[in-house]
C-alpha atoms as a PDB file:
ATOM      1  CA  MET A   1       0.000   0.000   0.000  1.00  0.00           C
ATOM      2  CA  GLU A   2       2.824   2.407   0.839  1.00  0.00           C
ATOM      3  CA  ARG A   3       4.411   1.878  -2.563  1.00  0.00           C
ATOM      4  CA  THR A   4       1.096   2.479  -4.343  1.00  0.00           C
ATOM      5  CA  ALA A   5       0.520   5.616  -2.309  1.00  0.00           C
ATOM      6  CA  SER A   6       4.002   6.841  -3.193  1.00  0.00           C
ATOM      7  CA  ILE A   7       3.386   6.337  -6.916  1.00  0.00           C
ATOM      8  CA  ARG A   8      -0.005   8.016  -6.619  1.00  0.00           C
ATOM      9  CA  ASP A   9       1.500  11.028  -4.881  1.00  0.00           C
ATOM     10  CA  THR A  10       4.294  11.285  -7.447  1.00  0.00           C
ATOM     11  CA  TRP A  11       1.848  11.423 -10.334  1.00  0.00           C
ATOM     12  CA  ALA A  12      -0.313  13.913  -8.451  1.00  0.00           C
ATOM     13  CA  ARG A  13       2.648  16.243  -7.952  1.00  0.00           C
ATOM     14  CA  ALA A  14       3.312  16.048 -11.689  1.00  0.00           C
ATOM     15  CA  GLY A  15      -0.129  17.453 -12.399  1.00  0.00           C
ATOM     16  CA  HIS A  16      -2.006  14.220 -13.027  1.00  0.00           C
ATOM     17  CA  ALA A  17      -5.123  14.189 -10.859  1.00  0.00           C
ATOM     18  CA  VAL A  18      -4.858  10.670  -9.459  1.00  0.00           C
ATOM     19  CA  ASN A  19      -6.097  12.014  -6.142  1.00  0.00           C
ATOM     20  CA  ALA A  20      -9.202  13.533  -7.728  1.00  0.00           C
ATOM     21  CA  GLU A  21     -12.176  13.099  -5.466  1.00  0.00           C
ATOM     22  CA  GLU A  22     -14.574  10.486  -6.809  1.00  0.00           C
ATOM     23  CA  GLU A  23     -18.321  10.693  -6.635  1.00  0.00           C
ATOM     24  CA  VAL A  24     -20.019   8.369  -4.197  1.00  0.00           C
ATOM     25  CA  MET A  25     -21.721   5.758  -6.356  1.00  0.00           C
ATOM     26  CA  ASP A  26     -24.658   3.505  -5.590  1.00  0.00           C
ATOM     27  CA  PRO A  27     -24.207  -0.283  -5.550  1.00  0.00           C
ATOM     28  CA  VAL A  28     -24.586  -1.799  -9.006  1.00  0.00           C
ATOM     29  CA  PRO A  29     -28.011  -3.484  -9.379  1.00  0.00           C
ATOM     30  CA  VAL A  30     -27.908  -7.236  -9.923  1.00  0.00           C
ATOM     31  CA  PRO A  31     -29.339  -7.185 -13.500  1.00  0.00           C
ATOM     32  CA  CYS A  32     -26.742  -4.609 -14.562  1.00  0.00           C
ATOM     33  CA  MET A  33     -23.853  -6.501 -12.955  1.00  0.00           C
ATOM     34  CA  GLU A  34     -24.979  -9.821 -14.413  1.00  0.00           C
ATOM     35  CA  THR A  35     -25.033  -8.342 -17.919  1.00  0.00           C
ATOM     36  CA  ILE A  36     -21.585  -6.796 -17.535  1.00  0.00           C
ATOM     37  CA  GLN A  37     -20.121 -10.055 -16.228  1.00  0.00           C
ATOM     38  CA  ARG A  38     -21.770 -12.075 -18.993  1.00  0.00           C
ATOM     39  CA  GLU A  39     -20.983  -9.813 -21.948  1.00  0.00           C
ATOM     40  CA  PHE A  40     -17.696  -8.338 -20.744  1.00  0.00           C
ATOM     41  CA  PRO A  41     -16.093 -10.868 -18.375  1.00  0.00           C
ATOM     42  CA  GLY A  42     -13.119  -9.379 -16.570  1.00  0.00           C
ATOM     43  CA  ALA A  43     -14.435  -5.822 -16.571  1.00  0.00           C
ATOM     44  CA  VAL A  44     -13.681  -3.869 -13.398  1.00  0.00           C
ATOM     45  CA  PRO A  45     -14.896  -0.537 -12.024  1.00  0.00           C
ATOM     46  CA  ALA A  46     -12.947   2.055 -13.993  1.00  0.00           C
ATOM     47  CA  CYS A  47     -11.935   3.958 -10.867  1.00  0.00           C
ATOM     48  CA  LYS A  48      -9.952   0.913  -9.665  1.00  0.00           C
ATOM     49  CA  THR A  49      -7.532   1.307 -12.548  1.00  0.00           C
ATOM     50  CA  LYS A  50      -6.681   4.969 -12.059  1.00  0.00           C
ATOM     51  CA  GLU A  51      -3.681   4.235  -9.843  1.00  0.00           C
ATOM     52  CA  VAL A  52      -2.675   0.948 -11.449  1.00  0.00           C
ATOM     53  CA  VAL A  53      -2.063   2.389 -14.924  1.00  0.00           C
ATOM     54  CA  PRO A  54       0.490   4.983 -13.709  1.00  0.00           C
ATOM     55  CA  GLU A  55       2.159   2.265 -11.638  1.00  0.00           C
ATOM     56  CA  VAL A  56       2.633   0.032 -14.697  1.00  0.00           C
ATOM     57  CA  LEU A  57       3.903   2.918 -16.796  1.00  0.00           C
ATOM     58  CA  GLN A  58       6.396   3.942 -14.133  1.00  0.00           C
ATOM     59  CA  ARG A  59       7.754   0.405 -13.885  1.00  0.00           C
ATOM     60  CA  HIS A  60       8.681   0.713 -17.544  1.00  0.00           C
ATOM     61  CA  GLY A  61      10.442   4.031 -17.182  1.00  0.00           C
ATOM     62  CA  MET A  62       7.557   6.307 -18.144  1.00  0.00           C
ATOM     63  CA  LEU A  63       7.775   9.045 -15.536  1.00  0.00           C
ATOM     64  CA  PRO A  64       4.774  11.126 -14.471  1.00  0.00           C
ATOM     65  CA  ASP A  65       6.183  14.538 -15.362  1.00  0.00           C
ATOM     66  CA  LYS A  66       7.287  13.288 -18.791  1.00  0.00           C
ATOM     67  CA  THR A  67       4.257  11.277 -19.930  1.00  0.00           C
ATOM     68  CA  ILE A  68       1.351  12.837 -21.808  1.00  0.00           C
ATOM     69  CA  LEU A  69      -1.974  11.293 -22.799  1.00  0.00           C
ATOM     70  CA  CYS A  70      -3.722  10.927 -26.118  1.00  0.00           C
ATOM     71  CA  SER A  71      -7.171   9.343 -26.281  1.00  0.00           C
ATOM     72  CA  SER A  72      -9.030   7.670 -29.116  1.00  0.00           C
ATOM     73  CA  ILE A  73     -12.428   7.385 -27.473  1.00  0.00           C
ATOM     74  CA  CYS A  74     -15.897   8.446 -28.566  1.00  0.00           C
ATOM     75  CA  SER A  75     -16.783  12.125 -28.497  1.00  0.00           C
ATOM     76  CA  ASP A  76     -19.672  11.322 -26.136  1.00  0.00           C
ATOM     77  CA  GLU A  77     -19.187  13.302 -22.925  1.00  0.00           C
ATOM     78  CA  ILE A  78     -20.262  10.289 -20.867  1.00  0.00           C
ATOM     79  CA  ASN A  79     -16.774   8.882 -21.413  1.00  0.00           C
ATOM     80  CA  ARG A  80     -15.225  11.814 -19.547  1.00  0.00           C
ATOM     81  CA  GLU A  81     -17.640  11.917 -16.622  1.00  0.00           C
ATOM     82  CA  LYS A  82     -18.103  10.072 -13.351  1.00  0.00           C
ATOM     83  CA  SER A  83     -15.525   7.408 -12.614  1.00  0.00           C
ATOM     84  CA  SER A  84     -13.901   7.267 -16.042  1.00  0.00           C
ATOM     85  CA  TRP A  85     -10.329   6.470 -15.105  1.00  0.00           C
ATOM     86  CA  CYS A  86      -8.587   8.654 -17.707  1.00  0.00           C
ATOM     87  CA  HIS A  87     -10.570  11.687 -16.555  1.00  0.00           C
ATOM     88  CA  LEU A  88      -9.569  11.042 -12.940  1.00  0.00           C
ATOM     89  CA  THR A  89      -5.944  10.411 -13.813  1.00  0.00           C
ATOM     90  CA  TRP A  90      -5.033  12.861 -16.548  1.00  0.00           C
ATOM     91  CA  GLY A  91      -7.791  15.372 -17.075  1.00  0.00           C
ATOM     92  CA  GLU A  92      -6.769  17.126 -20.286  1.00  0.00           C
ATOM     93  CA  ASN A  93      -5.499  15.066 -23.202  1.00  0.00           C
ATOM     94  CA  PHE A  94      -5.002  15.168 -26.953  1.00  0.00           C
ATOM     95  CA  ALA A  95      -8.147  13.932 -28.751  1.00  0.00           C
ATOM     96  CA  LEU A  96      -7.313  11.512 -31.543  1.00  0.00           C
ATOM     97  CA  GLY A  97     -10.751   9.912 -31.703  1.00  0.00           C
ATOM     98  CA  GLY A  98     -14.125  10.910 -33.085  1.00  0.00           C
ATOM     99  CA  ILE A  99     -17.507   9.229 -32.817  1.00  0.00           C
ATOM    100  CA  ALA A 100     -17.394   5.545 -31.846  1.00  0.00           C
ATOM    101  CA  GLY A 101     -13.780   6.039 -30.738  1.00  0.00           C
ATOM    102  CA  LEU A 102     -12.306   5.626 -34.208  1.00  0.00           C
ATOM    103  CA  PRO A 103      -9.030   7.591 -34.562  1.00  0.00           C
ATOM    104  CA  PHE A 104     -10.302  10.022 -37.176  1.00  0.00           C
ATOM    105  CA  ALA A 105      -7.464  12.489 -36.527  1.00  0.00           C
ATOM    106  CA  GLY A 106      -5.321   9.821 -38.159  1.00  0.00           C
ATOM    107  CA  LYS A 107      -1.601   9.921 -38.857  1.00  0.00           C
ATOM    108  CA  THR A 108      -1.544  13.711 -39.027  1.00  0.00           C
ATOM    109  CA  GLY A 109      -3.229  14.005 -35.624  1.00  0.00           C
ATOM    110  CA  PHE A 110      -0.879  11.518 -34.027  1.00  0.00           C
ATOM    111  CA  LYS A 111       2.141  13.207 -35.570  1.00  0.00           C
ATOM    112  CA  ALA A 112       0.978  16.503 -34.082  1.00  0.00           C
ATOM    113  CA  PHE A 113       0.534  14.863 -30.675  1.00  0.00           C
ATOM    114  CA  ALA A 114       3.932  13.186 -30.883  1.00  0.00           C
ATOM    115  CA  SER A 115       5.546  16.565 -31.441  1.00  0.00           C
ATOM    116  CA  HIS A 116       4.415  17.491 -27.907  1.00  0.00           C
ATOM    117  CA  VAL A 117       6.327  14.685 -26.168  1.00  0.00           C
ATOM    118  CA  PRO A 118       8.461  16.068 -23.326  1.00  0.00           C
ATOM    119  CA  ASP A 119      12.227  15.785 -23.638  1.00  0.00           C
ATOM    120  CA  GLU A 120      13.246  12.253 -22.607  1.00  0.00           C
ATOM    121  CA  GLY A 121       9.544  11.510 -22.120  1.00  0.00           C
ATOM    122  CA  GLY A 122       6.866   9.260 -23.576  1.00  0.00           C
ATOM    123  CA  LEU A 123       3.327   9.049 -24.851  1.00  0.00           C
ATOM    124  CA  PHE A 124       0.355   7.135 -23.525  1.00  0.00           C
ATOM    125  CA  LEU A 125      -2.527   6.371 -25.902  1.00  0.00           C
ATOM    126  CA  PHE A 126      -5.854   5.090 -24.602  1.00  0.00           C
ATOM    127  CA  VAL A 127      -8.191   3.670 -27.237  1.00  0.00           C
ATOM    128  CA  ALA A 128     -11.661   2.315 -26.595  1.00  0.00           C
ATOM    129  CA  SER A 129     -15.131   1.771 -27.880  1.00  0.00           C
ATOM    130  CA  HIS A 130     -17.951   2.257 -25.406  1.00  0.00           C
ATOM    131  CA  VAL A 131     -21.307   0.693 -24.649  1.00  0.00           C
ATOM    132  CA  GLY A 132     -24.053   1.362 -22.153  1.00  0.00           C
ATOM    133  CA  VAL A 133     -25.627  -1.078 -19.713  1.00  0.00           C
ATOM    134  CA  ASN A 134     -28.522   0.385 -17.748  1.00  0.00           C
ATOM    135  CA  GLN A 135     -29.677  -0.624 -14.275  1.00  0.00           C
ATOM    136  CA  ASP A 136     -32.042  -3.203 -15.763  1.00  0.00           C
ATOM    137  CA  GLY A 137     -29.221  -4.862 -17.690  1.00  0.00           C
ATOM    138  CA  ALA A 138     -30.227  -3.582 -21.143  1.00  0.00           C
ATOM    139  CA  VAL A 139     -27.198  -3.189 -23.433  1.00  0.00           C
ATOM    140  CA  GLY A 140     -26.868  -0.012 -25.476  1.00  0.00           C
ATOM    141  CA  LYS A 141     -28.846   2.143 -23.048  1.00  0.00           C
ATOM    142  CA  VAL A 142     -28.013   4.401 -20.084  1.00  0.00           C
ATOM    143  CA  ARG A 143     -29.823   6.920 -17.933  1.00  0.00           C
ATOM    144  CA  ARG A 144     -27.830  10.139 -18.175  1.00  0.00           C
ATOM    145  CA  HIS A 145     -27.614  12.950 -15.680  1.00  0.00           C
ATOM    146  CA  GLY A 146     -30.676  15.169 -15.762  1.00  0.00           C
ATOM    147  CA  GLN A 147     -32.747  12.857 -17.965  1.00  0.00           C
ATOM    148  CA  CYS A 148     -35.866  10.925 -16.959  1.00  0.00           C
ATOM    149  CA  LYS A 149     -35.522   8.226 -19.614  1.00  0.00           C
ATOM    150  CA  ASP A 150     -32.743   6.171 -21.159  1.00  0.00           C
ATOM    151  CA  SER A 151     -30.686   7.218 -24.184  1.00  0.00           C
ATOM    152  CA  SER A 152     -28.277   5.350 -26.440  1.00  0.00           C
ATOM    153  CA  SER A 153     -24.658   4.529 -25.687  1.00  0.00           C
ATOM    154  CA  CYS A 154     -22.801   4.312 -28.018  1.00  0.00           C
ATOM    155  CA  GLY A 155     -25.232   6.512 -29.920  1.00  0.00           C
ATOM    156  CA  ALA A 156     -23.327   6.126 -33.186  1.00  0.00           C
ATOM    157  CA  GLY A 157     -23.145   2.361 -32.733  1.00  0.00           C
ATOM    158  CA  VAL A 158     -26.848   2.037 -31.937  1.00  0.00           C
ATOM    159  CA  ALA A 159     -27.890   4.255 -34.856  1.00  0.00           C
ATOM    160  CA  GLY A 160     -25.416   2.582 -37.213  1.00  0.00           C
ATOM    161  CA  LEU A 161     -26.714  -0.881 -36.349  1.00  0.00           C
ATOM    162  CA  ALA A 162     -30.347   0.197 -36.795  1.00  0.00           C
ATOM    163  CA  TRP A 163     -29.445   1.542 -40.244  1.00  0.00           C
ATOM    164  CA  ALA A 164     -27.467  -1.573 -41.244  1.00  0.00           C
ATOM    165  CA  LEU A 165     -30.322  -3.893 -40.241  1.00  0.00           C
ATOM    166  CA  GLU A 166     -32.637  -2.048 -42.649  1.00  0.00           C
ATOM    167  CA  GLN A 167     -30.377  -2.545 -45.672  1.00  0.00           C
ATOM    168  CA  PRO A 168     -31.125  -5.267 -48.268  1.00  0.00           C
ATOM    169  CA  GLU A 169     -28.855  -8.286 -48.433  1.00  0.00           C
ATOM    170  CA  GLY A 170     -25.716  -7.610 -50.447  1.00  0.00           C
ATOM    171  CA  CYS A 171     -25.933  -3.852 -49.926  1.00  0.00           C
ATOM    172  CA  VAL A 172     -22.630  -2.005 -50.146  1.00  0.00           C
ATOM    173  CA  LEU A 173     -22.399   1.519 -48.750  1.00  0.00           C
ATOM    174  CA  LYS A 174     -21.038   3.869 -51.367  1.00  0.00           C
ATOM    175  CA  PRO A 175     -18.692   6.708 -50.406  1.00  0.00           C
ATOM    176  CA  ASN A 176     -20.611   9.730 -49.207  1.00  0.00           C
ATOM    177  CA  ASP A 177     -19.503  13.168 -50.326  1.00  0.00           C
ATOM    178  CA  ASP A 178     -21.194  14.857 -47.361  1.00  0.00           C
ATOM    179  CA  GLN A 179     -18.192  16.031 -45.379  1.00  0.00           C
ATOM    180  CA  LEU A 180     -20.496  17.110 -42.542  1.00  0.00           C
ATOM    181  CA  ASP A 181     -21.216  13.484 -41.595  1.00  0.00           C
ATOM    182  CA  TYR A 182     -18.286  11.460 -42.892  1.00  0.00           C
ATOM    183  CA  GLN A 183     -17.569   9.942 -39.482  1.00  0.00           C
ATOM    184  CA  MET A 184     -21.032   8.396 -39.246  1.00  0.00           C
ATOM    185  CA  GLU A 185     -20.731   7.115 -42.808  1.00  0.00           C
ATOM    186  CA  THR A 186     -17.559   5.313 -41.748  1.00  0.00           C
ATOM    187  CA  VAL A 187     -19.354   3.725 -38.779  1.00  0.00           C
ATOM    188  CA  LYS A 188     -22.262   2.636 -40.998  1.00  0.00           C
ATOM    189  CA  ALA A 189     -19.925   1.040 -43.544  1.00  0.00           C
ATOM    190  CA  LEU A 190     -18.019  -0.813 -40.822  1.00  0.00           C
ATOM    191  CA  LEU A 191     -21.162  -2.219 -39.213  1.00  0.00           C
ATOM    192  CA  LEU A 192     -22.637  -3.144 -42.578  1.00  0.00           C
ATOM    193  CA  ARG A 193     -19.523  -5.179 -43.404  1.00  0.00           C
ATOM    194  CA  ASN A 194     -19.973  -7.051 -40.123  1.00  0.00           C
ATOM    195  CA  ILE A 195     -23.767  -7.262 -40.066  1.00  0.00           C
ATOM    196  CA  GLU A 196     -24.031 -11.067 -40.363  1.00  0.00           C
ATOM    197  CA  ARG A 197     -21.676 -11.532 -37.427  1.00  0.00           C
ATOM    198  CA  ILE A 198     -23.590  -8.980 -35.361  1.00  0.00           C
ATOM    199  CA  LYS A 199     -26.996 -10.478 -36.191  1.00  0.00           C
ATOM    200  CA  SER A 200     -25.810 -13.923 -35.114  1.00  0.00           C
ATOM    201  CA  SER A 201     -24.653 -12.632 -31.712  1.00  0.00           C
ATOM    202  CA  PRO A 202     -26.884 -13.283 -28.675  1.00  0.00           C
ATOM    203  CA  SER A 203     -26.272  -9.623 -27.771  1.00  0.00           C
ATOM    204  CA  PRO A 204     -25.949  -7.544 -30.966  1.00  0.00           C
ATOM    205  CA  GLN A 205     -25.324  -4.244 -29.162  1.00  0.00           C
ATOM    206  CA  ALA A 206     -22.472  -5.795 -27.180  1.00  0.00           C
ATOM    207  CA  ASP A 207     -21.014  -7.150 -30.397  1.00  0.00           C
ATOM    208  CA  VAL A 208     -21.204  -3.684 -31.962  1.00  0.00           C
ATOM    209  CA  ALA A 209     -18.826  -2.517 -29.227  1.00  0.00           C
ATOM    210  CA  ARG A 210     -16.501  -5.418 -30.054  1.00  0.00           C
ATOM    211  CA  VAL A 211     -16.555  -4.681 -33.789  1.00  0.00           C
ATOM    212  CA  LEU A 212     -15.899  -0.995 -33.190  1.00  0.00           C
ATOM    213  CA  TYR A 213     -13.016  -1.698 -30.813  1.00  0.00           C
ATOM    214  CA  GLU A 214     -11.402  -4.161 -33.203  1.00  0.00           C
ATOM    215  CA  GLU A 215     -11.449  -1.460 -35.882  1.00  0.00           C
ATOM    216  CA  CYS A 216     -10.182   1.180 -33.440  1.00  0.00           C
ATOM    217  CA  ILE A 217      -7.175  -0.832 -32.300  1.00  0.00           C
ATOM    218  CA  SER A 218      -6.428  -1.999 -35.857  1.00  0.00           C
ATOM    219  CA  ARG A 219      -6.233   1.597 -37.047  1.00  0.00           C
ATOM    220  CA  VAL A 220      -4.209   2.707 -34.036  1.00  0.00           C
ATOM    221  CA  LYS A 221      -1.630  -0.012 -34.667  1.00  0.00           C
ATOM    222  CA  LYS A 222      -1.243   1.320 -38.210  1.00  0.00           C
ATOM    223  CA  ILE A 223      -0.885   4.885 -36.971  1.00  0.00           C
ATOM    224  CA  VAL A 224       1.580   4.367 -34.104  1.00  0.00           C
ATOM    225  CA  PRO A 225       5.194   4.147 -35.345  1.00  0.00           C
ATOM    226  CA  LEU A 226       7.167   1.160 -34.071  1.00  0.00           C
ATOM    227  CA  ASP A 227      10.609   2.667 -34.600  1.00  0.00           C
ATOM    228  CA  CYS A 228      10.267   5.762 -32.405  1.00  0.00           C
ATOM    229  CA  HIS A 229      13.106   6.461 -29.962  1.00  0.00           C
ATOM    230  CA  TYR A 230      10.758   7.234 -27.064  1.00  0.00           C
ATOM    231  CA  PRO A 231       8.216   4.878 -25.461  1.00  0.00           C
ATOM    232  CA  ILE A 232       4.604   4.833 -26.615  1.00  0.00           C
ATOM    233  CA  ALA A 233       2.226   2.928 -24.371  1.00  0.00           C
ATOM    234  CA  VAL A 234      -1.074   1.835 -25.896  1.00  0.00           C
ATOM    235  CA  MET A 235      -3.952   0.616 -23.756  1.00  0.00           C
ATOM    236  CA  GLY A 236      -7.236  -0.436 -25.323  1.00  0.00           C
ATOM    237  CA  GLY A 237     -10.564  -1.978 -24.476  1.00  0.00           C
ATOM    238  CA  TYR A 238     -14.194  -1.230 -23.742  1.00  0.00           C
ATOM    239  CA  GLN A 239     -15.574   1.586 -21.644  1.00  0.00           C
ATOM    240  CA  ILE A 240     -18.830   0.315 -20.162  1.00  0.00           C
ATOM    241  CA  ASN A 241     -21.138   3.179 -19.270  1.00  0.00           C
ATOM    242  CA  THR A 242     -23.792   2.752 -16.599  1.00  0.00           C
ATOM    243  CA  ASP A 243     -26.585   4.940 -15.266  1.00  0.00           C
ATOM    244  CA  ASP A 244     -25.699   8.319 -13.822  1.00  0.00           C
ATOM    245  CA  HIS A 245     -25.530   7.190 -10.191  1.00  0.00           C
ATOM    246  CA  LEU A 246     -23.560   4.001 -10.887  1.00  0.00           C
ATOM    247  CA  PRO A 247     -19.823   3.403 -11.507  1.00  0.00           C
ATOM    248  CA  ASP A 248     -18.540   2.911 -15.040  1.00  0.00           C
ATOM    249  CA  PHE A 249     -16.495  -0.185 -15.887  1.00  0.00           C
ATOM    250  CA  LEU A 250     -13.427  -0.865 -18.010  1.00  0.00           C
ATOM    251  CA  LEU A 251     -12.405  -4.052 -19.789  1.00  0.00           C
ATOM    252  CA  ALA A 252      -8.794  -3.993 -20.974  1.00  0.00           C
ATOM    253  CA  LYS A 253      -8.169  -5.959 -24.163  1.00  0.00           C
ATOM    254  CA  ASP A 254      -4.693  -4.667 -25.058  1.00  0.00           C
ATOM    255  CA  PHE A 255      -1.841  -2.977 -23.223  1.00  0.00           C
ATOM    256  CA  PHE A 256       1.599  -2.753 -24.797  1.00  0.00           C
ATOM    257  CA  ILE A 257       4.595  -0.432 -25.039  1.00  0.00           C
ATOM    258  CA  VAL A 258       6.583   0.157 -28.223  1.00  0.00           C
ATOM    259  CA  LYS A 259      10.036   1.691 -28.568  1.00  0.00           C
ATOM    260  CA  ASP A 260      12.933   1.304 -30.985  1.00  0.00           C
ATOM    261  CA  GLY A 261      11.137  -1.395 -32.964  1.00  0.00           C
ATOM    262  CA  GLN A 262      10.381  -3.513 -29.902  1.00  0.00           C
ATOM    263  CA  THR A 263       6.949  -4.242 -28.442  1.00  0.00           C
ATOM    264  CA  VAL A 264       6.481  -5.239 -24.801  1.00  0.00           C
ATOM    265  CA  ASP A 265       3.092  -6.655 -23.806  1.00  0.00           C
ATOM    266  CA  VAL A 266       2.145  -5.465 -20.308  1.00  0.00           C
ATOM    267  CA  LYS A 267      -1.508  -6.520 -20.261  1.00  0.00           C
ATOM    268  CA  GLU A 268      -1.014  -9.371 -17.783  1.00  0.00           C
ATOM    269  CA  GLU A 269       1.137  -7.153 -15.590  1.00  0.00           C
ATOM    270  CA  PHE A 270      -1.702  -4.606 -15.555  1.00  0.00           C
ATOM    271  CA  LEU A 271      -4.359  -7.220 -14.792  1.00  0.00           C
ATOM    272  CA  ASP A 272      -2.264  -8.669 -11.956  1.00  0.00           C
ATOM    273  CA  ALA A 273      -1.897  -5.204 -10.461  1.00  0.00           C
ATOM    274  CA  VAL A 274      -5.652  -4.626 -10.710  1.00  0.00           C
ATOM    275  CA  ARG A 275      -6.336  -7.909  -8.911  1.00  0.00           C
ATOM    276  CA  ARG A 276      -3.899  -6.996  -6.151  1.00  0.00           C
ATOM    277  CA  ALA A 277      -5.591  -3.617  -5.736  1.00  0.00           C
ATOM    278  CA  GLU A 278      -9.036  -5.121  -5.174  1.00  0.00           C
END
């Protein structure tokens, strides 16, 4: 505990808000918890990871005052509220992602972010799709702050799936010249390509989150250079949103560090640290 506290304090002094006061959350209702455990086994309350991630990074030489964050997560503000771990830990960060978490800022955006790396420092990139699970265990829905009824999460994923299900068999989405909605057109095309897989899933909305994440991490791996001389840590998974008064959850699917052409997988190290912190 003393070592964890020391790491926490070090990151706090460097300006990362690991000591940020968390809201007091209600216990997770049984139907909600059962759905999370069934559809996303291994997911943990996001707030439990806010001290573990800096600890793992520091073990690999990524110091708090020399590590900056980039996120490829959905634009939805729900991913930056409540107990979302990256909000509690870093606060401000470079936004690589657009709707559904896809890294729409692309290579140019990442290159711009990389130019901000502190001297002798490193970069940390968090990439995730997100999905709601309300108190009744319904996937794709959450009750947001100030609302008296549920809304969609991920909204782009829910709308994209509804559109794809209406298309005739063999439909191929043609490029759309409307630059005001090109991100949604990308989401629609992705879900349409995977519609048979999604329809065969016992929980289509949960599988939408999986499809979106697989595309997110695939694109990120193409964007992140492997031969950089400074460390780049990439953590990815699912952000699981719950109702306003409940804690959000995080399921890590990838966690690795690249530098000088080498890739070190630290996912199991992270998961072990999370288990020890429980």
